[in-house]
Amino acid sequence: MTRIAELTVRVHLDEEARPQRIEWSGTDAGFPGWRSCEAVNLTLWDAPGQRLCGLGLWAENTPLADMQAYLCQSLAQLADLGRRAICDEALAALIDDCRARLAAHVACRGAASG
């Protein structure tokens, strides 16, 4: 038997259409209702078009250090995806190296451990 899982993102915009607050919820989120977040990066692979379609949003008042940590941890997650989805350790190692260099550059929290 199959089931459908849903992920919903709500973006609160100001008068100039800039994100002020981002919230998300999901059927498998592990908590009820909505949870606030500072940034979201949704990427989808368009196989027929052979291109990445993406949406990157961040709340206007997100601290710089938070965005730096977000980017470092996003690279760690991408490396893990390379390991799990296509079993390409060499590709994952290249992404990990990029993450480590970015972490050293910005000295972001949580970047050293991935």
Protein backbone atom coordinates (compact mmCIF):
# COMPACT_ATOMS: atom_id res chain seq x y z
CA MET A 1 0.00 0.00 0.00
CA THR A 2 1.32 3.46 -0.85
CA ARG A 3 0.66 6.72 0.93
CA ILE A 4 1.18 10.38 0.21
CA ALA A 5 3.41 12.56 2.37
CA GLU A 6 3.09 16.33 2.12
CA LEU A 7 5.48 19.20 2.81
CA THR A 8 4.06 22.72 2.89
CA VAL A 9 5.98 26.00 3.07
CA ARG A 10 4.33 29.33 3.88
CA VAL A 11 6.18 32.55 3.10
CA HIS A 12 5.03 35.81 4.69
CA LEU A 13 5.99 38.71 2.40
CA ASP A 14 6.25 42.44 2.98
CA GLU A 15 4.80 45.07 0.64
CA GLU A 16 7.79 44.67 -1.69
CA ALA A 17 7.43 40.85 -1.84
CA ARG A 18 10.49 40.21 0.38
CA PRO A 19 10.24 37.21 2.72
CA GLN A 20 9.72 38.33 6.31
CA ARG A 21 8.89 34.97 7.88
CA ILE A 22 8.99 31.40 6.61
CA GLU A 23 7.05 28.52 8.15
CA TRP A 24 6.78 24.86 7.24
CA SER A 25 4.82 21.78 8.16
CA GLY A 26 4.69 18.23 6.93
CA THR A 27 2.81 15.03 7.43
CA ASP A 28 6.06 13.32 8.53
CA ALA A 29 7.58 16.32 10.34
CA GLY A 30 7.29 14.79 13.80
CA PHE A 31 5.50 17.78 15.31
CA PRO A 32 2.01 19.25 14.96
CA GLY A 33 1.25 22.52 13.20
CA TRP A 34 3.74 24.97 11.75
CA ARG A 35 7.39 25.57 12.59
CA SER A 36 9.28 28.74 11.79
CA CYS A 37 12.53 28.64 9.82
CA GLU A 38 14.94 31.27 8.53
CA ALA A 39 15.71 29.82 5.09
CA VAL A 40 14.57 27.19 2.63
CA ASN A 41 16.19 25.79 -0.48
CA LEU A 42 13.98 23.53 -2.54
CA THR A 43 15.54 21.89 -5.57
CA LEU A 44 13.80 19.62 -8.03
CA TRP A 45 15.38 17.63 -10.85
CA ASP A 46 13.56 18.08 -14.17
CA ALA A 47 14.62 14.85 -15.89
CA PRO A 48 13.03 15.58 -19.29
CA GLY A 49 14.65 19.03 -19.37
CA GLN A 50 17.89 17.78 -17.76
CA ARG A 51 18.05 20.77 -15.43
CA LEU A 52 17.72 21.72 -11.80
CA CYS A 53 14.72 23.82 -10.83
CA GLY A 54 15.13 25.57 -7.54
CA LEU A 55 13.71 28.03 -5.10
CA GLY A 56 15.91 29.63 -2.46
CA LEU A 57 14.36 31.93 0.14
CA TRP A 58 15.56 33.44 3.39
CA ALA A 59 13.89 35.76 5.84
CA GLU A 60 15.07 39.34 5.52
CA ASN A 61 16.40 39.57 9.07
CA THR A 62 18.26 36.24 9.11
CA PRO A 63 21.62 36.79 10.86
CA LEU A 64 24.69 36.43 8.64
CA ALA A 65 26.17 33.72 10.87
CA ASP A 66 22.97 31.69 10.55
CA MET A 67 23.06 31.90 6.74
CA GLN A 68 26.73 30.88 6.73
CA ALA A 69 25.98 27.87 8.91
CA TYR A 70 22.98 27.05 6.71
CA LEU A 71 25.15 27.01 3.58
CA CYS A 72 27.86 24.89 5.22
CA GLN A 73 25.37 22.35 6.52
CA SER A 74 23.58 22.30 3.15
CA LEU A 75 26.82 21.18 1.51
CA ALA A 76 27.23 18.44 4.14
CA GLN A 77 23.71 17.25 3.35
CA LEU A 78 24.46 17.30 -0.39
CA ALA A 79 27.57 15.17 0.16
CA ASP A 80 25.47 12.69 2.16
CA LEU A 81 22.96 12.57 -0.69
CA GLY A 82 25.78 11.68 -3.09
CA ARG A 83 26.83 8.85 -0.80
CA ARG A 84 23.34 7.43 -0.24
CA ALA A 85 21.64 8.01 -3.59
CA ILE A 86 24.38 7.17 -6.06
CA CYS A 87 27.08 5.56 -3.87
CA ASP A 88 29.70 7.94 -5.25
CA GLU A 89 32.23 8.39 -2.45
CA ALA A 90 34.62 10.39 -4.66
CA LEU A 91 31.90 12.94 -5.48
CA ALA A 92 30.88 13.12 -1.82
CA ALA A 93 34.51 13.68 -0.80
CA LEU A 94 34.81 16.60 -3.25
CA ILE A 95 31.67 18.18 -1.81
CA ASP A 96 32.95 17.57 1.74
CA ASP A 97 36.22 19.29 0.81
CA CYS A 98 34.30 22.28 -0.52
CA ARG A 99 32.25 22.38 2.70
CA ALA A 100 35.38 22.23 4.84
CA ARG A 101 36.97 25.10 2.91
CA LEU A 102 33.77 27.14 3.20
CA ALA A 103 33.60 26.40 6.94
CA ALA A 104 37.18 27.56 7.39
CA HIS A 105 36.44 30.70 5.39
CA VAL A 106 33.38 31.71 7.41
CA ALA A 107 34.15 29.81 10.64
CA CYS A 108 30.51 28.72 10.76
CA ARG A 109 28.89 26.85 13.63
CA GLY A 110 28.27 23.18 13.13
CA ALA A 111 30.29 23.10 9.92
CA ALA A 112 33.21 21.06 11.18
CA SER A 113 31.08 18.05 12.04
CA GLY A 114 28.89 18.19 8.92
